[in-house]
Amino acid sequence: MVNAGYNERITISSQSFDVIDGWEEFKDAIPTFLDTSLKANEILEHMNMTKDESNYLWYTFRFQPSSSCTKPMLQIESLAHAVHAFVNNIYLGTTHGSHDIKDFFFKSSVLLNNELNNISILSVMAGLPDSGAFLESRFAGLTRVEIQCTEKEIYDFANYTRGYQVGLLGEKLQIYKEENLSNVEWRKTEISSDQPLTWYKIVFSAPLGNDPVALNLSSMGKGEAWMNGKSIGRYWVSFHNTNGDPSQTLRMMERT
């Protein structure tokens, strides 16, 4: 029998970023159908579109309701990891799947005007699958989008012309690099914001000493963190395991 010891990890808070005055934010652009360069009259698969260049794929289209569409309901079915839905740049909400349930549904009432409305849906993958059988045939992304006006009046957008955009504007402009920070307009962070797709930045000095340093992301939701232009990893703190806890909250940072 072998007795193996174990190491106990002890973390000490050396800096707190709770003071809101030190933070700035940039809200990423929400593309419309006219903003996209790629158009198709079918639902395209997420991973084949992004090709690991980004976690994000925008699906956009325009829709003009009939006069009888008084209580429209947007319904989305997806095999991605999460979706965010916007109508006329207004955030409707988000939902995601789980380890056991791959396909999930999003349903929300929407406020439509009598003219053309811009529907923008962001499909999100938290990385790509790397194990299991038939990886080449796996499908990710949206599978169905409908707007239900009444029990009998349902608009199915399966063969509807839609526009696609890979990635976010901030990714394209690489605003996580110091030399590209001026490519967008940063503003003082608001006290409370439910708007997703928000970039946050802060400047700080490294803690003294030579001990390993980690960033505590327990107050965040889902995204990716960069330090000095280098990614320190994705995080999904709002996604909990079976014990009701996030799987990881700390991200190691490299001393320079």
C-alpha atoms as a PDB file:
ATOM      1  CA  MET A   1       0.000   0.000   0.000  1.00  0.00           C
ATOM      2  CA  VAL A   2       1.263   3.431  -0.867  1.00  0.00           C
ATOM      3  CA  ASN A   3       0.380   6.421   1.243  1.00  0.00           C
ATOM      4  CA  ALA A   4       0.256   9.480  -0.941  1.00  0.00           C
ATOM      5  CA  GLY A   5       0.197  12.929   0.568  1.00  0.00           C
ATOM      6  CA  TYR A   6      -1.714  15.821  -0.845  1.00  0.00           C
ATOM      7  CA  ASN A   7      -1.121  19.518  -1.284  1.00  0.00           C
ATOM      8  CA  GLU A   8      -3.479  22.119   0.059  1.00  0.00           C
ATOM      9  CA  ARG A   9      -4.006  25.179  -2.101  1.00  0.00           C
ATOM     10  CA  ILE A  10      -4.233  28.401  -0.159  1.00  0.00           C
ATOM     11  CA  THR A  11      -5.259  31.624  -1.871  1.00  0.00           C
ATOM     12  CA  ILE A  12      -4.897  35.082  -0.400  1.00  0.00           C
ATOM     13  CA  SER A  13      -6.607  38.122  -1.858  1.00  0.00           C
ATOM     14  CA  SER A  14      -3.967  40.753  -2.632  1.00  0.00           C
ATOM     15  CA  GLN A  15      -6.002  43.176  -4.760  1.00  0.00           C
ATOM     16  CA  SER A  16      -9.696  43.898  -5.083  1.00  0.00           C
ATOM     17  CA  PHE A  17     -11.291  45.336  -8.219  1.00  0.00           C
ATOM     18  CA  ASP A  18     -14.632  46.112  -6.587  1.00  0.00           C
ATOM     19  CA  VAL A  19     -14.248  49.873  -7.050  1.00  0.00           C
ATOM     20  CA  ILE A  20     -16.286  50.641 -10.147  1.00  0.00           C
ATOM     21  CA  ASP A  21     -14.365  53.839 -10.958  1.00  0.00           C
ATOM     22  CA  GLY A  22     -11.400  51.802 -12.171  1.00  0.00           C
ATOM     23  CA  TRP A  23     -13.376  49.914 -14.813  1.00  0.00           C
ATOM     24  CA  GLU A  24     -14.283  50.850 -18.377  1.00  0.00           C
ATOM     25  CA  GLU A  25     -16.574  48.993 -20.771  1.00  0.00           C
ATOM     26  CA  PHE A  26     -17.394  48.631 -24.449  1.00  0.00           C
ATOM     27  CA  LYS A  27     -20.700  47.149 -25.560  1.00  0.00           C
ATOM     28  CA  ASP A  28     -20.160  45.080 -28.679  1.00  0.00           C
ATOM     29  CA  ALA A  29     -22.190  45.813 -31.810  1.00  0.00           C
ATOM     30  CA  ILE A  30     -25.322  43.808 -32.595  1.00  0.00           C
ATOM     31  CA  PRO A  31     -25.338  43.204 -36.372  1.00  0.00           C
ATOM     32  CA  THR A  32     -28.485  43.405 -38.460  1.00  0.00           C
ATOM     33  CA  PHE A  33     -29.302  41.530 -41.652  1.00  0.00           C
ATOM     34  CA  LEU A  34     -27.924  44.395 -43.776  1.00  0.00           C
ATOM     35  CA  ASP A  35     -24.641  44.396 -41.827  1.00  0.00           C
ATOM     36  CA  THR A  36     -23.778  40.827 -42.807  1.00  0.00           C
ATOM     37  CA  SER A  37     -21.847  39.880 -45.948  1.00  0.00           C
ATOM     38  CA  LEU A  38     -22.810  36.186 -46.058  1.00  0.00           C
ATOM     39  CA  LYS A  39     -26.425  35.361 -46.905  1.00  0.00           C
ATOM     40  CA  ALA A  40     -28.095  31.935 -47.179  1.00  0.00           C
ATOM     41  CA  ASN A  41     -31.660  30.663 -47.316  1.00  0.00           C
ATOM     42  CA  GLU A  42     -30.968  27.820 -44.903  1.00  0.00           C
ATOM     43  CA  ILE A  43     -29.697  27.369 -41.358  1.00  0.00           C
ATOM     44  CA  LEU A  44     -25.917  26.865 -41.541  1.00  0.00           C
ATOM     45  CA  GLU A  45     -24.016  24.729 -39.048  1.00  0.00           C
ATOM     46  CA  HIS A  46     -22.117  26.628 -36.359  1.00  0.00           C
ATOM     47  CA  MET A  47     -18.731  24.837 -36.283  1.00  0.00           C
ATOM     48  CA  ASN A  48     -18.366  24.699 -40.072  1.00  0.00           C
ATOM     49  CA  MET A  49     -18.964  28.440 -40.175  1.00  0.00           C
ATOM     50  CA  THR A  50     -16.662  29.566 -37.364  1.00  0.00           C
ATOM     51  CA  LYS A  51     -13.875  26.999 -38.011  1.00  0.00           C
ATOM     52  CA  ASP A  52     -12.532  27.588 -34.464  1.00  0.00           C
ATOM     53  CA  GLU A  53     -11.852  31.265 -35.233  1.00  0.00           C
ATOM     54  CA  SER A  54     -14.458  32.314 -32.680  1.00  0.00           C
ATOM     55  CA  ASN A  55     -16.987  30.887 -30.241  1.00  0.00           C
ATOM     56  CA  TYR A  56     -19.685  33.095 -31.708  1.00  0.00           C
ATOM     57  CA  LEU A  57     -21.904  32.994 -34.785  1.00  0.00           C
ATOM     58  CA  TRP A  58     -24.601  35.575 -35.533  1.00  0.00           C
ATOM     59  CA  TYR A  59     -27.831  34.549 -37.283  1.00  0.00           C
ATOM     60  CA  THR A  60     -29.797  37.574 -38.522  1.00  0.00           C
ATOM     61  CA  PHE A  61     -32.941  38.131 -40.580  1.00  0.00           C
ATOM     62  CA  ARG A  62     -35.722  40.670 -41.120  1.00  0.00           C
ATOM     63  CA  PHE A  63     -39.391  40.110 -40.502  1.00  0.00           C
ATOM     64  CA  GLN A  64     -42.531  42.159 -41.086  1.00  0.00           C
ATOM     65  CA  PRO A  65     -45.567  40.837 -39.207  1.00  0.00           C
ATOM     66  CA  SER A  66     -49.145  40.850 -40.400  1.00  0.00           C
ATOM     67  CA  SER A  67     -51.732  43.060 -38.729  1.00  0.00           C
ATOM     68  CA  SER A  68     -53.131  40.010 -36.920  1.00  0.00           C
ATOM     69  CA  CYS A  69     -49.792  39.304 -35.194  1.00  0.00           C
ATOM     70  CA  THR A  70     -50.654  41.059 -31.936  1.00  0.00           C
ATOM     71  CA  LYS A  71     -48.881  38.807 -29.415  1.00  0.00           C
ATOM     72  CA  PRO A  72     -45.751  37.505 -31.166  1.00  0.00           C
ATOM     73  CA  MET A  73     -43.590  34.899 -29.466  1.00  0.00           C
ATOM     74  CA  LEU A  74     -40.014  34.163 -30.618  1.00  0.00           C
ATOM     75  CA  GLN A  75     -39.131  30.467 -30.364  1.00  0.00           C
ATOM     76  CA  ILE A  76     -35.611  29.102 -30.906  1.00  0.00           C
ATOM     77  CA  GLU A  77     -34.303  25.539 -30.839  1.00  0.00           C
ATOM     78  CA  SER A  78     -30.548  25.049 -30.694  1.00  0.00           C
ATOM     79  CA  LEU A  79     -27.775  22.463 -30.460  1.00  0.00           C
ATOM     80  CA  ALA A  80     -25.122  25.009 -29.526  1.00  0.00           C
ATOM     81  CA  HIS A  81     -24.032  25.627 -25.939  1.00  0.00           C
ATOM     82  CA  ALA A  82     -25.976  28.890 -25.485  1.00  0.00           C
ATOM     83  CA  VAL A  83     -27.909  31.560 -27.394  1.00  0.00           C
ATOM     84  CA  HIS A  84     -28.573  35.277 -26.893  1.00  0.00           C
ATOM     85  CA  ALA A  85     -31.578  36.816 -28.647  1.00  0.00           C
ATOM     86  CA  PHE A  86     -32.112  40.419 -29.754  1.00  0.00           C
ATOM     87  CA  VAL A  87     -34.980  42.114 -31.603  1.00  0.00           C
ATOM     88  CA  ASN A  88     -34.365  45.605 -32.977  1.00  0.00           C
ATOM     89  CA  ASN A  89     -31.232  45.814 -30.777  1.00  0.00           C
ATOM     90  CA  ILE A  90     -33.268  45.059 -27.651  1.00  0.00           C
ATOM     91  CA  TYR A  91     -31.974  42.159 -25.564  1.00  0.00           C
ATOM     92  CA  LEU A  92     -34.617  39.474 -25.006  1.00  0.00           C
ATOM     93  CA  GLY A  93     -32.639  36.984 -22.951  1.00  0.00           C
ATOM     94  CA  THR A  94     -30.407  33.944 -23.043  1.00  0.00           C
ATOM     95  CA  THR A  95     -30.559  30.219 -22.388  1.00  0.00           C
ATOM     96  CA  HIS A  96     -28.207  27.240 -22.621  1.00  0.00           C
ATOM     97  CA  GLY A  97     -28.079  23.468 -22.701  1.00  0.00           C
ATOM     98  CA  SER A  98     -26.453  21.084 -20.261  1.00  0.00           C
ATOM     99  CA  HIS A  99     -24.104  18.116 -20.233  1.00  0.00           C
ATOM    100  CA  ASP A 100     -27.022  15.695 -20.470  1.00  0.00           C
ATOM    101  CA  ILE A 101     -29.486  17.702 -22.568  1.00  0.00           C
ATOM    102  CA  LYS A 102     -27.841  18.863 -25.786  1.00  0.00           C
ATOM    103  CA  ASP A 103     -30.755  20.553 -27.527  1.00  0.00           C
ATOM    104  CA  PHE A 104     -32.534  23.363 -25.725  1.00  0.00           C
ATOM    105  CA  PHE A 105     -35.303  25.868 -26.366  1.00  0.00           C
ATOM    106  CA  PHE A 106     -35.608  29.613 -25.998  1.00  0.00           C
ATOM    107  CA  LYS A 107     -39.012  31.266 -25.871  1.00  0.00           C
ATOM    108  CA  SER A 108     -39.823  34.924 -25.309  1.00  0.00           C
ATOM    109  CA  SER A 109     -42.544  37.400 -26.153  1.00  0.00           C
ATOM    110  CA  VAL A 110     -41.337  40.184 -28.458  1.00  0.00           C
ATOM    111  CA  LEU A 111     -42.420  43.720 -29.263  1.00  0.00           C
ATOM    112  CA  LEU A 112     -42.547  44.151 -33.039  1.00  0.00           C
ATOM    113  CA  ASN A 113     -43.258  47.274 -35.041  1.00  0.00           C
ATOM    114  CA  ASN A 114     -45.439  47.293 -38.146  1.00  0.00           C
ATOM    115  CA  GLU A 115     -42.466  47.625 -40.495  1.00  0.00           C
ATOM    116  CA  LEU A 116     -39.377  45.446 -40.931  1.00  0.00           C
ATOM    117  CA  ASN A 117     -37.933  44.140 -37.683  1.00  0.00           C
ATOM    118  CA  ASN A 118     -34.326  43.031 -37.217  1.00  0.00           C
ATOM    119  CA  ILE A 119     -33.936  39.667 -35.488  1.00  0.00           C
ATOM    120  CA  SER A 120     -30.371  38.928 -34.317  1.00  0.00           C
ATOM    121  CA  ILE A 121     -29.541  35.632 -32.603  1.00  0.00           C
ATOM    122  CA  LEU A 122     -26.067  34.886 -31.264  1.00  0.00           C
ATOM    123  CA  SER A 123     -25.124  31.209 -31.157  1.00  0.00           C
ATOM    124  CA  VAL A 124     -22.371  30.430 -28.640  1.00  0.00           C
ATOM    125  CA  MET A 125     -20.017  27.463 -28.316  1.00  0.00           C
ATOM    126  CA  ALA A 126     -17.684  27.054 -25.336  1.00  0.00           C
ATOM    127  CA  GLY A 127     -14.973  25.407 -27.413  1.00  0.00           C
ATOM    128  CA  LEU A 128     -15.320  22.451 -29.761  1.00  0.00           C
ATOM    129  CA  PRO A 129     -16.019  18.772 -28.945  1.00  0.00           C
ATOM    130  CA  ASP A 130     -12.773  16.771 -28.878  1.00  0.00           C
ATOM    131  CA  SER A 131     -13.880  13.234 -28.041  1.00  0.00           C
ATOM    132  CA  GLY A 132     -16.507  10.655 -28.856  1.00  0.00           C
ATOM    133  CA  ALA A 133     -17.629   8.884 -31.998  1.00  0.00           C
ATOM    134  CA  PHE A 134     -18.570  10.533 -35.296  1.00  0.00           C
ATOM    135  CA  LEU A 135     -17.131  13.945 -34.471  1.00  0.00           C
ATOM    136  CA  GLU A 136     -17.191  14.860 -38.155  1.00  0.00           C
ATOM    137  CA  SER A 137     -20.973  14.480 -38.297  1.00  0.00           C
ATOM    138  CA  ARG A 138     -21.882  16.427 -35.183  1.00  0.00           C
ATOM    139  CA  PHE A 139     -24.187  19.392 -35.634  1.00  0.00           C
ATOM    140  CA  ALA A 140     -24.082  22.572 -33.564  1.00  0.00           C
ATOM    141  CA  GLY A 141     -26.003  25.818 -33.769  1.00  0.00           C
ATOM    142  CA  LEU A 142     -29.602  26.785 -34.363  1.00  0.00           C
ATOM    143  CA  THR A 143     -31.975  24.118 -35.674  1.00  0.00           C
ATOM    144  CA  ARG A 144     -35.297  25.977 -35.695  1.00  0.00           C
ATOM    145  CA  VAL A 145     -36.511  29.575 -35.450  1.00  0.00           C
ATOM    146  CA  GLU A 146     -40.184  30.543 -35.392  1.00  0.00           C
ATOM    147  CA  ILE A 147     -42.385  33.483 -34.504  1.00  0.00           C
ATOM    148  CA  GLN A 148     -45.802  32.434 -33.278  1.00  0.00           C
ATOM    149  CA  CYS A 149     -48.489  35.095 -33.513  1.00  0.00           C
ATOM    150  CA  THR A 150     -51.515  32.965 -32.675  1.00  0.00           C
ATOM    151  CA  GLU A 151     -52.159  29.265 -32.243  1.00  0.00           C
ATOM    152  CA  LYS A 152     -52.618  28.927 -36.008  1.00  0.00           C
ATOM    153  CA  GLU A 153     -50.425  31.772 -37.307  1.00  0.00           C
ATOM    154  CA  ILE A 154     -46.822  30.608 -37.083  1.00  0.00           C
ATOM    155  CA  TYR A 155     -43.912  31.880 -39.180  1.00  0.00           C
ATOM    156  CA  ASP A 156     -41.261  29.224 -39.759  1.00  0.00           C
ATOM    157  CA  PHE A 157     -37.906  30.648 -40.905  1.00  0.00           C
ATOM    158  CA  ALA A 158     -36.296  27.331 -41.916  1.00  0.00           C
ATOM    159  CA  ASN A 159     -35.876  28.360 -45.575  1.00  0.00           C
ATOM    160  CA  TYR A 160     -35.852  32.085 -44.968  1.00  0.00           C
ATOM    161  CA  THR A 161     -32.939  34.186 -46.207  1.00  0.00           C
ATOM    162  CA  ARG A 162     -30.723  35.132 -43.298  1.00  0.00           C
ATOM    163  CA  GLY A 163     -27.378  36.825 -42.822  1.00  0.00           C
ATOM    164  CA  TYR A 164     -24.390  35.363 -40.965  1.00  0.00           C
ATOM    165  CA  GLN A 165     -21.453  36.918 -39.172  1.00  0.00           C
ATOM    166  CA  VAL A 166     -18.625  34.995 -37.520  1.00  0.00           C
ATOM    167  CA  GLY A 167     -17.347  36.452 -34.270  1.00  0.00           C
ATOM    168  CA  LEU A 168     -17.790  39.697 -32.389  1.00  0.00           C
ATOM    169  CA  LEU A 169     -16.612  43.150 -33.429  1.00  0.00           C
ATOM    170  CA  GLY A 170     -14.256  43.316 -30.456  1.00  0.00           C
ATOM    171  CA  GLU A 171     -12.627  40.071 -31.566  1.00  0.00           C
ATOM    172  CA  LYS A 172     -12.199  41.372 -35.118  1.00  0.00           C
ATOM    173  CA  LEU A 173     -10.598  44.601 -33.871  1.00  0.00           C
ATOM    174  CA  GLN A 174      -8.552  42.674 -31.248  1.00  0.00           C
ATOM    175  CA  ILE A 175      -9.369  45.234 -28.579  1.00  0.00           C
ATOM    176  CA  TYR A 176      -7.839  42.952 -25.942  1.00  0.00           C
ATOM    177  CA  LYS A 177      -4.409  44.136 -27.165  1.00  0.00           C
ATOM    178  CA  GLU A 178      -3.021  47.390 -25.786  1.00  0.00           C
ATOM    179  CA  GLU A 179      -2.212  48.785 -29.222  1.00  0.00           C
ATOM    180  CA  ASN A 180      -5.828  48.325 -30.345  1.00  0.00           C
ATOM    181  CA  LEU A 181      -7.661  49.752 -27.328  1.00  0.00           C
ATOM    182  CA  SER A 182      -8.308  53.037 -29.141  1.00  0.00           C
ATOM    183  CA  ASN A 183     -10.157  51.240 -31.961  1.00  0.00           C
ATOM    184  CA  VAL A 184     -13.395  51.521 -29.963  1.00  0.00           C
ATOM    185  CA  GLU A 185     -14.918  54.007 -27.559  1.00  0.00           C
ATOM    186  CA  TRP A 186     -14.592  52.907 -23.941  1.00  0.00           C
ATOM    187  CA  ARG A 187     -16.934  54.328 -21.317  1.00  0.00           C
ATOM    188  CA  LYS A 188     -17.092  54.265 -17.549  1.00  0.00           C
ATOM    189  CA  THR A 189     -18.684  51.037 -16.399  1.00  0.00           C
ATOM    190  CA  GLU A 190     -22.294  51.277 -15.319  1.00  0.00           C
ATOM    191  CA  ILE A 191     -23.230  50.140 -11.836  1.00  0.00           C
ATOM    192  CA  SER A 192     -25.580  47.483 -13.147  1.00  0.00           C
ATOM    193  CA  SER A 193     -26.058  46.217 -16.682  1.00  0.00           C
ATOM    194  CA  ASP A 194     -27.987  43.199 -17.928  1.00  0.00           C
ATOM    195  CA  GLN A 195     -26.608  43.663 -21.433  1.00  0.00           C
ATOM    196  CA  PRO A 196     -24.408  40.752 -22.545  1.00  0.00           C
ATOM    197  CA  LEU A 197     -21.550  41.108 -25.057  1.00  0.00           C
ATOM    198  CA  THR A 198     -19.836  43.721 -22.907  1.00  0.00           C
ATOM    199  CA  TRP A 199     -16.062  44.072 -22.787  1.00  0.00           C
ATOM    200  CA  TYR A 200     -14.516  45.262 -19.512  1.00  0.00           C
ATOM    201  CA  LYS A 201     -10.976  46.540 -18.927  1.00  0.00           C
ATOM    202  CA  ILE A 202      -8.934  47.687 -15.990  1.00  0.00           C
ATOM    203  CA  VAL A 203      -5.262  48.582 -15.477  1.00  0.00           C
ATOM    204  CA  PHE A 204      -3.501  47.333 -12.352  1.00  0.00           C
ATOM    205  CA  SER A 205      -0.028  46.695 -10.970  1.00  0.00           C
ATOM    206  CA  ALA A 206       1.146  43.145 -10.324  1.00  0.00           C
ATOM    207  CA  PRO A 207       1.221  42.059  -6.668  1.00  0.00           C
ATOM    208  CA  LEU A 208       4.633  42.173  -5.042  1.00  0.00           C
ATOM    209  CA  GLY A 209       6.651  38.987  -4.689  1.00  0.00           C
ATOM    210  CA  ASN A 210       7.136  35.872  -6.804  1.00  0.00           C
ATOM    211  CA  ASP A 211       4.135  33.791  -5.768  1.00  0.00           C
ATOM    212  CA  PRO A 212       1.753  32.530  -8.478  1.00  0.00           C
ATOM    213  CA  VAL A 213      -1.056  34.950  -9.253  1.00  0.00           C
ATOM    214  CA  ALA A 214      -4.622  34.069 -10.229  1.00  0.00           C
ATOM    215  CA  LEU A 215      -7.641  36.119 -11.274  1.00  0.00           C
ATOM    216  CA  ASN A 216     -10.859  35.348  -9.387  1.00  0.00           C
ATOM    217  CA  LEU A 217     -13.762  35.410 -11.847  1.00  0.00           C
ATOM    218  CA  SER A 218     -16.477  34.263  -9.428  1.00  0.00           C
ATOM    219  CA  SER A 219     -18.490  37.465  -9.956  1.00  0.00           C
ATOM    220  CA  MET A 220     -18.595  37.066 -13.747  1.00  0.00           C
ATOM    221  CA  GLY A 221     -20.919  35.094 -16.022  1.00  0.00           C
ATOM    222  CA  LYS A 222     -19.516  33.653 -19.245  1.00  0.00           C
ATOM    223  CA  GLY A 223     -16.733  34.874 -21.507  1.00  0.00           C
ATOM    224  CA  GLU A 224     -12.987  34.995 -21.991  1.00  0.00           C
ATOM    225  CA  ALA A 225     -10.286  36.914 -20.138  1.00  0.00           C
ATOM    226  CA  TRP A 226      -7.088  38.467 -21.493  1.00  0.00           C
ATOM    227  CA  MET A 227      -4.078  39.973 -19.751  1.00  0.00           C
ATOM    228  CA  ASN A 228      -1.516  42.043 -21.623  1.00  0.00           C
ATOM    229  CA  GLY A 229      -3.001  40.878 -24.924  1.00  0.00           C
ATOM    230  CA  LYS A 230      -2.817  37.147 -24.120  1.00  0.00           C
ATOM    231  CA  SER A 231      -5.821  34.982 -23.399  1.00  0.00           C
ATOM    232  CA  ILE A 232      -5.791  33.391 -19.952  1.00  0.00           C
ATOM    233  CA  GLY A 233      -8.783  31.215 -20.796  1.00  0.00           C
ATOM    234  CA  ARG A 234     -12.518  30.952 -21.197  1.00  0.00           C
ATOM    235  CA  TYR A 235     -14.805  30.929 -18.187  1.00  0.00           C
ATOM    236  CA  TRP A 236     -18.442  30.025 -17.548  1.00  0.00           C
ATOM    237  CA  VAL A 237     -18.946  30.752 -13.877  1.00  0.00           C
ATOM    238  CA  SER A 238     -22.734  31.008 -14.174  1.00  0.00           C
ATOM    239  CA  PHE A 239     -22.893  27.384 -15.406  1.00  0.00           C
ATOM    240  CA  HIS A 240     -22.981  25.192 -12.283  1.00  0.00           C
ATOM    241  CA  ASN A 241     -22.133  21.542 -11.761  1.00  0.00           C
ATOM    242  CA  THR A 242     -24.395  18.994 -10.055  1.00  0.00           C
ATOM    243  CA  ASN A 243     -23.419  20.409  -6.646  1.00  0.00           C
ATOM    244  CA  GLY A 244     -24.620  23.860  -7.648  1.00  0.00           C
ATOM    245  CA  ASP A 245     -21.099  25.321  -7.864  1.00  0.00           C
ATOM    246  CA  PRO A 246     -19.072  26.625 -10.805  1.00  0.00           C
ATOM    247  CA  SER A 247     -16.434  24.164 -11.954  1.00  0.00           C
ATOM    248  CA  GLN A 248     -13.679  26.783 -11.898  1.00  0.00           C
ATOM    249  CA  THR A 249     -13.400  30.400 -10.768  1.00  0.00           C
ATOM    250  CA  LEU A 250      -9.640  31.043 -10.785  1.00  0.00           C
ATOM    251  CA  ARG A 251      -7.521  31.727 -13.851  1.00  0.00           C
ATOM    252  CA  MET A 252      -3.739  31.699 -13.531  1.00  0.00           C
ATOM    253  CA  MET A 253      -1.905  34.798 -14.749  1.00  0.00           C
ATOM    254  CA  GLU A 254       1.652  34.903 -15.989  1.00  0.00           C
ATOM    255  CA  ARG A 255       4.088  37.249 -14.280  1.00  0.00           C
ATOM    256  CA  THR A 256       6.213  39.325 -16.672  1.00  0.00           C
END
